[in-house]
C-alpha cells in the first residue's frame, strides 16, 4: 500500500514540474504578409515632473489585416495601441514609469505605518536582450508571438509642462 501511495505522489510531483516547464511561450516566425518598418524606442519625460517612460513605435508597412496585441520589452509588458492616419499604420507600446513614493523613516515604527511596500513586477515569459522585443498577435483564434531584433534607440523626448 505504501509503495502505491509513493508512486502516486511521485507521479503528481513530476506532472507538476512538467507543467512549469511547458509554461514558457513559444516564439513563432513573423506572420506571412506582415512587413514592419524600423522599430524605434523613445524615452520621454515631462519637464519639472517625476513622470517618465518609454514609447516603442512599430510601423507596419504591409499586413494591416493582422492585429498586433501586446508588447514585451525590457522586462515589462503592455497592450499595443493601434494608430492609423490615412495609409500610415503604427502600433505604440507605452511604458510609464511609476514615480517613487516618499518613504517615511523614523525611530518610532508607528510613524512608518503609511509606507507602502514596493510593487513587484510580474516576470515576462521571455528572455530578451536590451534591444529585443516580442509581439503577440492572434491568428486563427490562437495567440502567437514573434521576436523583433535590433530595436533602435531614438532620442529622448522632453515634454514641456502645461500650466
N, C-alpha and C. Protein backbone atom coordinates (compact mmCIF):
# COMPACT_ATOMS: atom_id res chain seq x y z
N UNK A 1 0.82 -1.20 0.00
CA UNK A 1 0.00 0.00 0.00
C UNK A 1 0.86 1.26 0.00
N UNK A 2 1.93 1.24 0.82
CA UNK A 2 2.83 2.40 0.88
C UNK A 2 3.50 2.64 -0.46
N UNK A 3 3.83 1.57 -1.14
CA UNK A 3 4.50 1.71 -2.44
C UNK A 3 3.56 2.37 -3.44
N UNK A 4 2.30 2.00 -3.45
CA UNK A 4 1.31 2.59 -4.35
C UNK A 4 1.14 4.08 -4.07
N UNK A 5 1.08 4.45 -2.81
CA UNK A 5 0.94 5.86 -2.44
C UNK A 5 2.19 6.64 -2.85
N UNK A 6 3.36 6.08 -2.63
CA UNK A 6 4.61 6.75 -3.02
C UNK A 6 4.67 6.94 -4.53
N UNK A 7 4.23 5.95 -5.29
CA UNK A 7 4.23 6.07 -6.75
C UNK A 7 3.26 7.16 -7.19
N UNK A 8 2.07 7.20 -6.62
CA UNK A 8 1.09 8.24 -6.98
C UNK A 8 1.60 9.63 -6.63
N UNK A 9 2.21 9.78 -5.46
CA UNK A 9 2.77 11.09 -5.06
C UNK A 9 3.89 11.48 -6.02
N UNK A 10 4.73 10.51 -6.38
CA UNK A 10 5.82 10.79 -7.32
C UNK A 10 5.31 11.24 -8.67
N UNK A 11 4.26 10.60 -9.16
CA UNK A 11 3.67 10.98 -10.45
C UNK A 11 3.09 12.39 -10.37
N UNK A 12 2.45 12.72 -9.27
CA UNK A 12 1.87 14.07 -9.13
C UNK A 12 2.96 15.12 -9.09
N UNK A 13 4.06 14.86 -8.40
CA UNK A 13 5.17 15.82 -8.32
C UNK A 13 5.80 16.01 -9.69
N UNK A 14 6.03 14.93 -10.40
CA UNK A 14 6.63 15.02 -11.74
C UNK A 14 5.72 15.78 -12.69
N UNK A 15 4.41 15.52 -12.63
CA UNK A 15 3.49 16.23 -13.52
C UNK A 15 3.42 17.71 -13.18
N UNK A 16 3.54 18.05 -11.90
CA UNK A 16 3.54 19.47 -11.51
C UNK A 16 4.75 20.19 -12.09
N UNK A 17 5.93 19.55 -12.03
CA UNK A 17 7.13 20.17 -12.58
C UNK A 17 7.09 20.24 -14.10
N UNK A 18 6.48 19.26 -14.74
CA UNK A 18 6.40 19.30 -16.20
C UNK A 18 5.49 20.43 -16.66
N UNK A 19 4.47 20.79 -15.87
CA UNK A 19 3.61 21.92 -16.21
C UNK A 19 4.39 23.22 -16.15
N UNK A 20 5.31 23.35 -15.21
CA UNK A 20 6.14 24.56 -15.10
C UNK A 20 7.03 24.71 -16.32
N UNK A 21 7.58 23.62 -16.81
CA UNK A 21 8.45 23.66 -17.97
C UNK A 21 7.66 24.07 -19.21
N UNK A 22 6.43 23.59 -19.34
CA UNK A 22 5.62 23.88 -20.51
C UNK A 22 5.01 25.27 -20.50
N UNK A 23 5.16 26.03 -19.41
CA UNK A 23 4.54 27.35 -19.33
C UNK A 23 5.28 28.41 -20.13
N UNK A 24 6.50 28.14 -20.61
CA UNK A 24 7.23 29.09 -21.44
C UNK A 24 6.48 29.29 -22.76
N UNK A 25 6.44 30.52 -23.25
CA UNK A 25 5.76 30.82 -24.50
C UNK A 25 6.67 30.45 -25.67
N UNK A 26 6.07 29.96 -26.75
CA UNK A 26 6.81 29.55 -27.93
C UNK A 26 6.77 30.68 -28.94
N UNK A 27 7.95 31.08 -29.43
CA UNK A 27 8.03 32.12 -30.44
C UNK A 27 7.88 31.50 -31.82
N UNK A 28 6.98 32.06 -32.61
CA UNK A 28 6.85 31.61 -33.99
C UNK A 28 7.51 32.66 -34.88
N UNK A 29 7.57 32.37 -36.14
CA UNK A 29 8.14 33.38 -37.03
C UNK A 29 7.10 34.45 -37.31
N UNK A 30 7.56 35.58 -37.80
CA UNK A 30 6.67 36.69 -38.11
C UNK A 30 5.61 36.23 -39.11
N UNK A 31 4.35 36.65 -38.93
CA UNK A 31 3.29 36.19 -39.84
C UNK A 31 3.57 36.57 -41.29
N UNK A 32 3.19 35.67 -42.20
CA UNK A 32 3.35 35.94 -43.63
C UNK A 32 2.56 37.19 -44.00
N UNK A 33 3.16 38.03 -44.81
CA UNK A 33 2.48 39.25 -45.26
C UNK A 33 2.68 40.44 -44.35
N UNK A 34 3.25 40.24 -43.17
CA UNK A 34 3.49 41.36 -42.25
C UNK A 34 4.90 41.88 -42.47
N UNK A 35 4.97 43.14 -42.88
CA UNK A 35 6.27 43.80 -43.07
C UNK A 35 6.31 45.01 -42.17
N UNK A 36 7.34 45.07 -41.33
CA UNK A 36 7.48 46.17 -40.38
C UNK A 36 8.55 47.14 -40.84
N UNK A 37 8.37 48.41 -40.48
CA UNK A 37 9.40 49.41 -40.70
C UNK A 37 10.40 49.35 -39.56
N UNK A 38 11.19 50.41 -39.42
CA UNK A 38 12.20 50.47 -38.35
C UNK A 38 11.51 50.68 -37.00
N UNK A 39 11.72 49.74 -36.08
CA UNK A 39 11.12 49.81 -34.76
C UNK A 39 12.02 50.69 -33.88
N UNK A 40 11.40 51.72 -33.27
CA UNK A 40 12.16 52.71 -32.51
C UNK A 40 11.61 52.84 -31.09
N UNK A 41 12.53 52.93 -30.15
CA UNK A 41 12.18 53.13 -28.75
C UNK A 41 12.61 54.55 -28.35
N UNK A 42 11.70 55.31 -27.74
CA UNK A 42 12.00 56.69 -27.30
C UNK A 42 11.67 56.85 -25.83
N UNK A 43 12.67 57.24 -25.05
CA UNK A 43 12.44 57.57 -23.66
C UNK A 43 11.80 58.96 -23.61
N UNK A 44 10.91 59.21 -22.66
CA UNK A 44 10.28 60.52 -22.54
C UNK A 44 10.18 60.93 -21.08
N UNK A 45 10.18 62.23 -20.86
CA UNK A 45 9.97 62.79 -19.53
C UNK A 45 9.12 64.05 -19.68
N UNK A 46 8.49 64.45 -18.58
CA UNK A 46 7.75 65.70 -18.55
C UNK A 46 8.57 66.67 -17.71
N UNK A 47 8.86 67.83 -18.27
CA UNK A 47 9.70 68.83 -17.61
C UNK A 47 9.12 69.23 -16.26
N UNK A 48 9.95 69.19 -15.22
CA UNK A 48 9.53 69.61 -13.89
C UNK A 48 8.58 68.64 -13.21
N UNK A 49 8.53 67.41 -13.66
CA UNK A 49 7.60 66.43 -13.11
C UNK A 49 8.31 65.08 -13.00
N UNK A 50 7.88 64.24 -12.07
CA UNK A 50 8.52 62.93 -11.97
C UNK A 50 8.03 61.94 -13.03
N UNK A 51 7.10 62.36 -13.89
CA UNK A 51 6.57 61.47 -14.92
C UNK A 51 7.64 61.16 -15.96
N UNK A 52 7.75 59.88 -16.31
CA UNK A 52 8.67 59.46 -17.37
C UNK A 52 8.22 58.11 -17.89
N UNK A 53 8.86 57.67 -18.97
CA UNK A 53 8.52 56.38 -19.54
C UNK A 53 9.24 56.15 -20.84
N UNK A 54 8.77 55.16 -21.57
CA UNK A 54 9.34 54.80 -22.86
C UNK A 54 8.19 54.45 -23.80
N UNK A 55 8.26 54.97 -25.01
CA UNK A 55 7.31 54.60 -26.06
C UNK A 55 8.06 53.80 -27.11
N UNK A 56 7.48 52.70 -27.55
CA UNK A 56 8.08 51.89 -28.60
C UNK A 56 7.14 51.92 -29.80
N UNK A 57 7.66 52.35 -30.94
CA UNK A 57 6.87 52.53 -32.15
C UNK A 57 7.15 51.38 -33.13
N UNK A 58 6.08 50.71 -33.57
CA UNK A 58 6.19 49.60 -34.52
C UNK A 58 5.41 49.97 -35.77
N UNK A 59 6.07 50.57 -36.79
CA UNK A 59 5.36 50.92 -38.02
C UNK A 59 5.10 49.68 -38.88
N UNK A 60 3.90 49.60 -39.43
CA UNK A 60 3.52 48.47 -40.29
C UNK A 60 3.49 48.97 -41.73
N UNK A 61 4.33 48.35 -42.58
CA UNK A 61 4.40 48.74 -43.99
C UNK A 61 3.34 47.98 -44.78
N UNK A 62 3.23 46.68 -44.53
CA UNK A 62 2.17 45.89 -45.17
C UNK A 62 1.72 44.81 -44.19
N UNK A 63 0.49 44.36 -44.37
CA UNK A 63 -0.08 43.36 -43.48
C UNK A 63 -0.97 43.99 -42.42
N UNK A 64 -1.70 45.04 -42.80
CA UNK A 64 -2.54 45.76 -41.84
C UNK A 64 -3.74 44.94 -41.37
N UNK A 65 -3.98 43.78 -42.02
CA UNK A 65 -5.10 42.94 -41.59
C UNK A 65 -4.74 42.08 -40.37
N UNK A 66 -3.46 42.06 -39.99
CA UNK A 66 -3.01 41.30 -38.82
C UNK A 66 -3.02 42.25 -37.63
N UNK A 67 -3.72 41.85 -36.56
CA UNK A 67 -3.84 42.71 -35.39
C UNK A 67 -2.80 42.33 -34.34
N UNK A 68 -1.89 43.26 -34.05
CA UNK A 68 -0.88 43.06 -33.02
C UNK A 68 -1.50 43.41 -31.68
N UNK A 69 -1.27 42.56 -30.68
CA UNK A 69 -1.98 42.68 -29.41
C UNK A 69 -1.14 43.28 -28.29
N UNK A 70 -0.05 42.61 -27.90
CA UNK A 70 0.74 43.04 -26.75
C UNK A 70 2.22 43.11 -27.09
N UNK A 71 2.97 43.83 -26.24
CA UNK A 71 4.40 44.01 -26.44
C UNK A 71 5.14 43.67 -25.16
N UNK A 72 6.22 42.91 -25.30
CA UNK A 72 7.11 42.56 -24.19
C UNK A 72 8.47 43.19 -24.49
N UNK A 73 8.95 44.06 -23.58
CA UNK A 73 10.18 44.80 -23.85
C UNK A 73 10.83 45.18 -22.53
N UNK A 74 12.11 44.88 -22.39
CA UNK A 74 12.89 45.23 -21.20
C UNK A 74 12.23 44.80 -19.89
N UNK A 75 11.73 43.57 -19.88
CA UNK A 75 11.17 43.01 -18.67
C UNK A 75 9.77 43.46 -18.32
N UNK A 76 9.10 44.16 -19.24
CA UNK A 76 7.74 44.65 -18.99
C UNK A 76 6.83 44.29 -20.15
N UNK A 77 5.52 44.33 -19.89
CA UNK A 77 4.53 44.01 -20.92
C UNK A 77 3.44 45.07 -20.92
N UNK A 78 2.97 45.46 -22.12
CA UNK A 78 1.86 46.41 -22.26
C UNK A 78 1.01 46.01 -23.46
N UNK A 79 -0.23 46.49 -23.46
CA UNK A 79 -1.11 46.35 -24.62
C UNK A 79 -0.63 47.35 -25.67
N UNK A 80 -0.69 46.97 -26.94
CA UNK A 80 -0.31 47.88 -28.01
C UNK A 80 -1.51 48.74 -28.40
N UNK A 81 -1.21 49.98 -28.74
CA UNK A 81 -2.23 50.93 -29.20
C UNK A 81 -2.07 51.08 -30.71
N UNK A 82 -3.16 50.87 -31.45
CA UNK A 82 -3.14 50.96 -32.91
C UNK A 82 -3.48 52.39 -33.31
N UNK A 83 -2.59 53.01 -34.09
CA UNK A 83 -2.82 54.38 -34.57
C UNK A 83 -2.73 54.36 -36.09
N UNK A 84 -3.83 54.76 -36.75
CA UNK A 84 -3.88 54.78 -38.20
C UNK A 84 -4.22 56.19 -38.66
N UNK A 85 -3.37 56.75 -39.51
CA UNK A 85 -3.62 58.06 -40.12
C UNK A 85 -3.47 57.90 -41.62
N UNK A 86 -4.59 57.83 -42.30
CA UNK A 86 -4.56 57.57 -43.73
C UNK A 86 -4.04 56.17 -43.98
N UNK A 87 -3.00 56.07 -44.81
CA UNK A 87 -2.42 54.75 -45.09
C UNK A 87 -1.29 54.40 -44.12
N UNK A 88 -0.94 55.34 -43.23
CA UNK A 88 0.15 55.09 -42.27
C UNK A 88 -0.40 54.39 -41.03
N UNK A 89 0.18 53.24 -40.70
CA UNK A 89 -0.25 52.47 -39.54
C UNK A 89 0.94 52.23 -38.63
N UNK A 90 0.77 52.53 -37.36
CA UNK A 90 1.82 52.27 -36.37
C UNK A 90 1.16 51.76 -35.09
N UNK A 91 1.82 50.82 -34.44
CA UNK A 91 1.42 50.34 -33.13
C UNK A 91 2.38 50.96 -32.11
N UNK A 92 1.81 51.43 -31.00
CA UNK A 92 2.63 52.09 -29.98
C UNK A 92 2.47 51.35 -28.66
N UNK A 93 3.61 51.00 -28.08
CA UNK A 93 3.63 50.43 -26.73
C UNK A 93 4.09 51.51 -25.78
N UNK A 94 3.25 51.87 -24.81
CA UNK A 94 3.56 52.97 -23.88
C UNK A 94 3.87 52.39 -22.50
N UNK A 95 5.13 52.49 -22.10
CA UNK A 95 5.58 52.05 -20.79
C UNK A 95 5.75 53.27 -19.92
N UNK A 96 4.98 53.36 -18.84
CA UNK A 96 5.04 54.51 -17.93
C UNK A 96 5.76 54.08 -16.65
N UNK A 97 6.75 54.86 -16.27
CA UNK A 97 7.47 54.59 -15.03
C UNK A 97 6.72 55.23 -13.88
N UNK A 98 6.36 54.43 -12.90
CA UNK A 98 5.64 54.95 -11.74
C UNK A 98 6.61 55.78 -10.89
N UNK A 99 6.18 56.96 -10.44
CA UNK A 99 7.07 57.75 -9.59
C UNK A 99 7.31 57.03 -8.26
N UNK A 100 8.51 57.19 -7.75
CA UNK A 100 8.84 56.54 -6.49
C UNK A 100 8.17 57.30 -5.35
N UNK A 101 7.44 56.58 -4.49
CA UNK A 101 6.73 57.25 -3.39
C UNK A 101 7.71 57.69 -2.30
N UNK A 102 7.31 58.72 -1.57
CA UNK A 102 8.10 59.15 -0.42
C UNK A 102 8.01 58.09 0.66
N UNK A 103 9.15 57.81 1.27
CA UNK A 103 9.19 56.81 2.34
C UNK A 103 9.53 57.52 3.65
N UNK A 104 8.73 57.25 4.66
CA UNK A 104 8.95 57.85 5.97
C UNK A 104 9.84 56.91 6.78
N UNK A 105 11.00 57.40 7.17
CA UNK A 105 11.91 56.64 8.03
C UNK A 105 11.93 57.34 9.38
N UNK A 106 11.62 56.60 10.46
CA UNK A 106 11.55 57.20 11.79
C UNK A 106 11.96 56.18 12.83
N UNK A 107 12.48 56.65 13.95
CA UNK A 107 12.86 55.75 15.04
C UNK A 107 11.63 55.07 15.63
N UNK A 108 10.49 55.75 15.56
CA UNK A 108 9.24 55.18 16.06
C UNK A 108 8.55 54.44 14.90
N UNK A 109 8.48 53.10 14.94
CA UNK A 109 7.88 52.36 13.83
C UNK A 109 6.41 52.72 13.57
N UNK A 110 5.72 53.23 14.57
CA UNK A 110 4.32 53.62 14.39
C UNK A 110 4.16 54.75 13.39
N UNK A 111 5.20 55.58 13.23
CA UNK A 111 5.12 56.70 12.28
C UNK A 111 5.46 56.26 10.85
N UNK A 112 5.86 55.01 10.68
CA UNK A 112 6.16 54.49 9.35
C UNK A 112 4.99 53.69 8.77
N UNK A 113 3.84 53.74 9.45
CA UNK A 113 2.68 52.93 9.06
C UNK A 113 2.20 53.26 7.65
N UNK A 114 2.30 54.49 7.21
CA UNK A 114 1.78 54.88 5.90
C UNK A 114 2.64 54.41 4.74
N UNK A 115 3.82 53.87 4.98
CA UNK A 115 4.69 53.41 3.90
C UNK A 115 4.08 52.20 3.20
N UNK A 116 4.15 52.21 1.89
CA UNK A 116 3.65 51.08 1.10
C UNK A 116 4.83 50.24 0.64
N UNK A 117 4.66 48.94 0.60
CA UNK A 117 5.74 48.11 0.07
C UNK A 117 5.88 48.34 -1.43
N UNK A 118 7.07 48.15 -1.97
CA UNK A 118 7.24 48.36 -3.42
C UNK A 118 6.44 47.32 -4.21
N UNK A 119 5.95 47.76 -5.37
CA UNK A 119 5.20 46.84 -6.23
C UNK A 119 6.19 46.00 -7.03
N UNK A 120 6.00 44.72 -6.99
CA UNK A 120 6.88 43.82 -7.73
C UNK A 120 6.28 43.55 -9.10
N UNK A 121 7.13 43.60 -10.12
CA UNK A 121 6.68 43.31 -11.48
C UNK A 121 6.60 41.81 -11.70
N UNK A 122 5.57 41.42 -12.44
CA UNK A 122 5.49 40.02 -12.84
C UNK A 122 6.54 39.78 -13.91
N UNK A 123 7.31 38.71 -13.80
CA UNK A 123 8.30 38.45 -14.84
C UNK A 123 7.62 38.10 -16.16
N UNK A 124 8.23 38.55 -17.26
CA UNK A 124 7.68 38.21 -18.57
C UNK A 124 8.17 36.80 -18.94
N UNK A 125 7.44 36.11 -19.81
CA UNK A 125 7.79 34.72 -20.13
C UNK A 125 8.89 34.57 -21.18
N UNK A 126 9.69 35.62 -21.41
CA UNK A 126 10.74 35.57 -22.42
C UNK A 126 12.04 36.10 -21.85
N UNK A 127 13.16 35.57 -22.34
CA UNK A 127 14.46 36.13 -22.01
C UNK A 127 14.90 36.93 -23.22
N UNK A 128 15.03 38.26 -23.03
CA UNK A 128 15.33 39.15 -24.15
C UNK A 128 16.56 39.99 -23.86
N UNK A 129 17.30 40.35 -24.91
CA UNK A 129 18.40 41.29 -24.80
C UNK A 129 17.81 42.70 -24.71
N UNK A 130 18.64 43.69 -24.40
CA UNK A 130 18.19 45.09 -24.26
C UNK A 130 17.52 45.61 -25.53
N UNK A 131 17.97 45.17 -26.70
CA UNK A 131 17.44 45.70 -27.96
C UNK A 131 16.47 44.73 -28.64
N UNK A 132 15.85 43.83 -27.87
CA UNK A 132 14.89 42.89 -28.44
C UNK A 132 13.52 43.09 -27.81
N UNK A 133 12.49 42.78 -28.58
CA UNK A 133 11.11 42.87 -28.11
C UNK A 133 10.34 41.67 -28.68
N UNK A 134 9.25 41.32 -28.02
CA UNK A 134 8.38 40.26 -28.51
C UNK A 134 6.97 40.84 -28.63
N UNK A 135 6.30 40.52 -29.74
CA UNK A 135 4.94 40.99 -30.01
C UNK A 135 4.01 39.79 -30.06
N UNK A 136 2.85 39.92 -29.43
CA UNK A 136 1.85 38.87 -29.54
C UNK A 136 0.78 39.31 -30.54
N UNK A 137 0.22 38.34 -31.24
CA UNK A 137 -0.84 38.60 -32.21
C UNK A 137 -1.74 37.38 -32.26
N UNK A 138 -2.95 37.57 -32.77
CA UNK A 138 -3.88 36.45 -32.88
C UNK A 138 -4.00 36.04 -34.34
N UNK A 139 -3.94 34.72 -34.52
CA UNK A 139 -4.11 34.16 -35.86
C UNK A 139 -4.91 32.88 -35.72
N UNK A 140 -6.03 32.80 -36.42
CA UNK A 140 -6.93 31.65 -36.39
C UNK A 140 -7.36 31.33 -34.96
N UNK A 141 -7.60 32.35 -34.19
CA UNK A 141 -8.07 32.19 -32.82
C UNK A 141 -7.01 31.80 -31.80
N UNK A 142 -5.77 31.66 -32.24
CA UNK A 142 -4.68 31.28 -31.33
C UNK A 142 -3.75 32.46 -31.13
N UNK A 143 -3.27 32.62 -29.89
CA UNK A 143 -2.32 33.68 -29.57
C UNK A 143 -0.92 33.20 -29.92
N UNK A 144 -0.21 33.97 -30.74
CA UNK A 144 1.13 33.62 -31.18
C UNK A 144 2.07 34.78 -30.89
N UNK A 145 3.38 34.51 -30.95
CA UNK A 145 4.39 35.50 -30.60
C UNK A 145 5.50 35.49 -31.64
N UNK A 146 6.07 36.69 -31.91
CA UNK A 146 7.27 36.77 -32.73
C UNK A 146 8.21 37.81 -32.14
N UNK A 147 9.50 37.63 -32.42
CA UNK A 147 10.53 38.49 -31.84
C UNK A 147 10.96 39.56 -32.82
N UNK A 148 11.19 40.75 -32.31
CA UNK A 148 11.76 41.85 -33.07
C UNK A 148 13.18 42.05 -32.55
N UNK A 149 14.15 41.90 -33.42
CA UNK A 149 15.55 42.11 -33.04
C UNK A 149 15.98 43.52 -33.45
N UNK A 150 16.95 44.02 -32.79
CA UNK A 150 17.55 45.33 -33.10
C UNK A 150 16.55 46.48 -33.04
N UNK A 151 15.97 46.72 -31.88
CA UNK A 151 15.11 47.89 -31.67
C UNK A 151 16.04 49.10 -31.58
N UNK A 152 15.81 50.10 -32.41
CA UNK A 152 16.67 51.28 -32.44
C UNK A 152 16.29 52.21 -31.28
N UNK A 153 17.30 52.75 -30.62
CA UNK A 153 17.10 53.70 -29.52
C UNK A 153 17.02 55.11 -30.11
N UNK A 154 15.86 55.74 -29.99
CA UNK A 154 15.69 57.10 -30.51
C UNK A 154 16.14 58.14 -29.49
N UNK A 155 16.08 59.39 -29.88
CA UNK A 155 16.47 60.48 -28.99
C UNK A 155 15.42 60.66 -27.91
N UNK A 156 15.85 60.93 -26.66
CA UNK A 156 14.88 61.17 -25.59
C UNK A 156 14.02 62.42 -25.88
N UNK A 157 12.76 62.37 -25.47
CA UNK A 157 11.84 63.47 -25.70
C UNK A 157 11.49 64.09 -24.35
N UNK A 158 11.64 65.42 -24.26
CA UNK A 158 11.26 66.14 -23.04
C UNK A 158 10.06 67.02 -23.39
N UNK A 159 8.93 66.75 -22.74
CA UNK A 159 7.70 67.49 -22.98
C UNK A 159 7.60 68.64 -21.99
N UNK A 160 7.34 69.87 -22.48
CA UNK A 160 7.17 70.99 -21.54
C UNK A 160 5.94 70.79 -20.68
N UNK A 161 6.02 71.22 -19.47
CA UNK A 161 4.91 71.08 -18.52
C UNK A 161 3.84 72.12 -18.82
N UNK A 162 2.58 71.68 -18.82
CA UNK A 162 1.45 72.57 -19.08
C UNK A 162 1.06 73.23 -17.77
N UNK A 163 0.87 74.50 -17.79
CA UNK A 163 0.49 75.25 -16.59
C UNK A 163 -0.98 75.58 -16.62
